[in-house]
């Protein structure tokens, strides 16, 4: 059983928004190019849920995650499964009033 690919730099999971070039893919978050594993060789995008769906749920074995990703990444940043990273996305296509409310809320928190 082959696991879902992750970026070697930022550890983001492969997703429908990555760019493909022969046997590698470019991370949609950090733009790092990664080698595509056997799971992705000769497969159609529609045959793999992680390349078809925008949102999927992963069940992660924390013991494996701790040993695989607790070391420094290619930028020398210390990563650990026990120290989560929070990412907030703000849709900026709304009205100016809506953006102002979001901005005030972020600045006061």
C-alpha atoms as a PDB file:
ATOM      1  CA  UNK A   1       0.000   0.000   0.000  1.00  0.00           C
ATOM      2  CA  UNK A   2       1.469   3.314  -1.118  1.00  0.00           C
ATOM      3  CA  UNK A   3       0.944   6.464   0.933  1.00  0.00           C
ATOM      4  CA  UNK A   4      -0.269   9.832  -0.289  1.00  0.00           C
ATOM      5  CA  UNK A   5       2.641  12.016  -1.417  1.00  0.00           C
ATOM      6  CA  UNK A   6       3.799  14.981   0.647  1.00  0.00           C
ATOM      7  CA  UNK A   7       6.047  17.883  -0.261  1.00  0.00           C
ATOM      8  CA  UNK A   8       9.657  17.370   0.779  1.00  0.00           C
ATOM      9  CA  UNK A   9       9.948  21.020   1.817  1.00  0.00           C
ATOM     10  CA  UNK A  10       6.699  22.056   3.565  1.00  0.00           C
ATOM     11  CA  UNK A  11       5.064  18.589   4.032  1.00  0.00           C
ATOM     12  CA  UNK A  12       1.807  19.662   2.346  1.00  0.00           C
ATOM     13  CA  UNK A  13      -0.175  16.780   0.879  1.00  0.00           C
ATOM     14  CA  UNK A  14      -0.420  16.423  -2.878  1.00  0.00           C
ATOM     15  CA  UNK A  15      -3.700  17.927  -4.114  1.00  0.00           C
ATOM     16  CA  UNK A  16      -5.648  18.823  -7.269  1.00  0.00           C
ATOM     17  CA  UNK A  17      -3.786  22.155  -7.571  1.00  0.00           C
ATOM     18  CA  UNK A  18      -0.233  20.828  -8.025  1.00  0.00           C
ATOM     19  CA  UNK A  19       1.542  21.245 -11.371  1.00  0.00           C
ATOM     20  CA  UNK A  20       2.832  18.138 -13.141  1.00  0.00           C
ATOM     21  CA  UNK A  21       5.966  17.745 -15.233  1.00  0.00           C
ATOM     22  CA  UNK A  22       6.747  14.209 -16.424  1.00  0.00           C
ATOM     23  CA  UNK A  23       7.490  12.275 -13.194  1.00  0.00           C
ATOM     24  CA  UNK A  24       7.444  15.150 -10.727  1.00  0.00           C
ATOM     25  CA  UNK A  25       4.951  17.580  -9.209  1.00  0.00           C
ATOM     26  CA  UNK A  26       5.245  21.141  -7.942  1.00  0.00           C
ATOM     27  CA  UNK A  27       3.771  21.883  -4.524  1.00  0.00           C
ATOM     28  CA  UNK A  28       0.895  24.347  -4.720  1.00  0.00           C
ATOM     29  CA  UNK A  29       1.934  25.993  -1.425  1.00  0.00           C
ATOM     30  CA  UNK A  30       5.722  26.393  -1.505  1.00  0.00           C
ATOM     31  CA  UNK A  31       6.410  25.710  -5.234  1.00  0.00           C
ATOM     32  CA  UNK A  32       9.018  23.011  -4.476  1.00  0.00           C
ATOM     33  CA  UNK A  33       9.338  20.296  -7.147  1.00  0.00           C
ATOM     34  CA  UNK A  34       8.934  16.738  -5.813  1.00  0.00           C
ATOM     35  CA  UNK A  35       9.432  13.318  -7.365  1.00  0.00           C
ATOM     36  CA  UNK A  36       6.167  11.467  -8.013  1.00  0.00           C
ATOM     37  CA  UNK A  37       6.105   8.042  -6.357  1.00  0.00           C
ATOM     38  CA  UNK A  38       4.884   4.763  -7.809  1.00  0.00           C
ATOM     39  CA  UNK A  39       1.321   5.526  -6.710  1.00  0.00           C
ATOM     40  CA  UNK A  40       1.123   8.278  -9.367  1.00  0.00           C
ATOM     41  CA  UNK A  41       2.894   6.578 -12.296  1.00  0.00           C
ATOM     42  CA  UNK A  42       0.575   5.976 -15.251  1.00  0.00           C
ATOM     43  CA  UNK A  43      -2.558   6.852 -13.246  1.00  0.00           C
ATOM     44  CA  UNK A  44      -5.365   9.134 -14.305  1.00  0.00           C
ATOM     45  CA  UNK A  45      -6.166  12.075 -12.040  1.00  0.00           C
ATOM     46  CA  UNK A  46      -9.732  10.796 -11.603  1.00  0.00           C
ATOM     47  CA  UNK A  47      -8.507   7.458 -10.208  1.00  0.00           C
ATOM     48  CA  UNK A  48      -6.888   9.020  -7.118  1.00  0.00           C
ATOM     49  CA  UNK A  49      -9.104  10.804  -4.606  1.00  0.00           C
ATOM     50  CA  UNK A  50      -6.330  13.163  -3.450  1.00  0.00           C
ATOM     51  CA  UNK A  51      -5.973  14.499  -7.018  1.00  0.00           C
ATOM     52  CA  UNK A  52      -9.695  14.750  -7.665  1.00  0.00           C
ATOM     53  CA  UNK A  53     -11.277  16.151  -4.484  1.00  0.00           C
ATOM     54  CA  UNK A  54     -10.542  19.561  -2.924  1.00  0.00           C
ATOM     55  CA  UNK A  55     -11.049  18.290   0.627  1.00  0.00           C
ATOM     56  CA  UNK A  56     -10.378  14.784   1.923  1.00  0.00           C
ATOM     57  CA  UNK A  57      -9.785  13.366   5.384  1.00  0.00           C
ATOM     58  CA  UNK A  58      -6.556  11.576   6.273  1.00  0.00           C
ATOM     59  CA  UNK A  59      -6.055   9.211   9.165  1.00  0.00           C
ATOM     60  CA  UNK A  60      -2.508   9.773  10.346  1.00  0.00           C
ATOM     61  CA  UNK A  61      -0.459   7.429  12.510  1.00  0.00           C
ATOM     62  CA  UNK A  62       1.134   9.894  14.947  1.00  0.00           C
ATOM     63  CA  UNK A  63       4.061   7.577  15.739  1.00  0.00           C
ATOM     64  CA  UNK A  64       5.097   7.487  12.070  1.00  0.00           C
ATOM     65  CA  UNK A  65       4.506  11.208  11.685  1.00  0.00           C
ATOM     66  CA  UNK A  66       6.754  11.967  14.663  1.00  0.00           C
ATOM     67  CA  UNK A  67       9.664   9.928  13.275  1.00  0.00           C
ATOM     68  CA  UNK A  68       9.215  10.975   9.628  1.00  0.00           C
ATOM     69  CA  UNK A  69       8.772  14.703  10.075  1.00  0.00           C
ATOM     70  CA  UNK A  70      10.326  15.725  13.386  1.00  0.00           C
ATOM     71  CA  UNK A  71      13.668  16.524  11.788  1.00  0.00           C
ATOM     72  CA  UNK A  72      14.560  19.796  10.091  1.00  0.00           C
ATOM     73  CA  UNK A  73      13.247  20.339   6.588  1.00  0.00           C
ATOM     74  CA  UNK A  74      15.359  21.604   3.665  1.00  0.00           C
ATOM     75  CA  UNK A  75      15.196  25.181   5.002  1.00  0.00           C
ATOM     76  CA  UNK A  76      16.526  24.212   8.435  1.00  0.00           C
ATOM     77  CA  UNK A  77      13.205  24.842  10.189  1.00  0.00           C
ATOM     78  CA  UNK A  78      12.521  22.457  13.063  1.00  0.00           C
ATOM     79  CA  UNK A  79       9.225  20.608  12.521  1.00  0.00           C
ATOM     80  CA  UNK A  80       7.431  18.365  14.972  1.00  0.00           C
ATOM     81  CA  UNK A  81       4.079  16.575  15.054  1.00  0.00           C
ATOM     82  CA  UNK A  82       3.627  17.843  18.611  1.00  0.00           C
ATOM     83  CA  UNK A  83       3.835  21.492  17.482  1.00  0.00           C
ATOM     84  CA  UNK A  84       0.934  22.106  15.067  1.00  0.00           C
ATOM     85  CA  UNK A  85       1.046  24.860  12.482  1.00  0.00           C
ATOM     86  CA  UNK A  86      -2.102  26.900  11.956  1.00  0.00           C
ATOM     87  CA  UNK A  87      -2.857  28.349   8.544  1.00  0.00           C
ATOM     88  CA  UNK A  88      -5.634  30.882   8.065  1.00  0.00           C
ATOM     89  CA  UNK A  89      -6.939  31.769   4.627  1.00  0.00           C
ATOM     90  CA  UNK A  90      -8.943  34.917   4.017  1.00  0.00           C
ATOM     91  CA  UNK A  91     -11.129  35.279   0.941  1.00  0.00           C
ATOM     92  CA  UNK A  92     -10.377  38.784  -0.340  1.00  0.00           C
ATOM     93  CA  UNK A  93     -13.000  38.737  -3.101  1.00  0.00           C
ATOM     94  CA  UNK A  94     -15.748  40.039  -0.776  1.00  0.00           C
ATOM     95  CA  UNK A  95     -16.956  43.595  -0.391  1.00  0.00           C
ATOM     96  CA  UNK A  96     -14.719  46.241   1.108  1.00  0.00           C
ATOM     97  CA  UNK A  97     -16.918  46.424   4.230  1.00  0.00           C
ATOM     98  CA  UNK A  98     -16.589  42.689   4.776  1.00  0.00           C
ATOM     99  CA  UNK A  99     -12.805  42.849   4.389  1.00  0.00           C
ATOM    100  CA  UNK A 100     -12.627  45.699   6.884  1.00  0.00           C
ATOM    101  CA  UNK A 101     -14.538  43.629   9.472  1.00  0.00           C
ATOM    102  CA  UNK A 102     -12.179  40.668   8.917  1.00  0.00           C
ATOM    103  CA  UNK A 103      -9.140  42.945   9.172  1.00  0.00           C
ATOM    104  CA  UNK A 104     -10.352  44.491  12.441  1.00  0.00           C
ATOM    105  CA  UNK A 105     -11.067  41.053  13.854  1.00  0.00           C
ATOM    106  CA  UNK A 106      -7.593  39.769  12.975  1.00  0.00           C
ATOM    107  CA  UNK A 107      -5.885  42.838  14.387  1.00  0.00           C
ATOM    108  CA  UNK A 108      -7.745  42.645  17.725  1.00  0.00           C
ATOM    109  CA  UNK A 109      -7.145  38.937  18.295  1.00  0.00           C
END
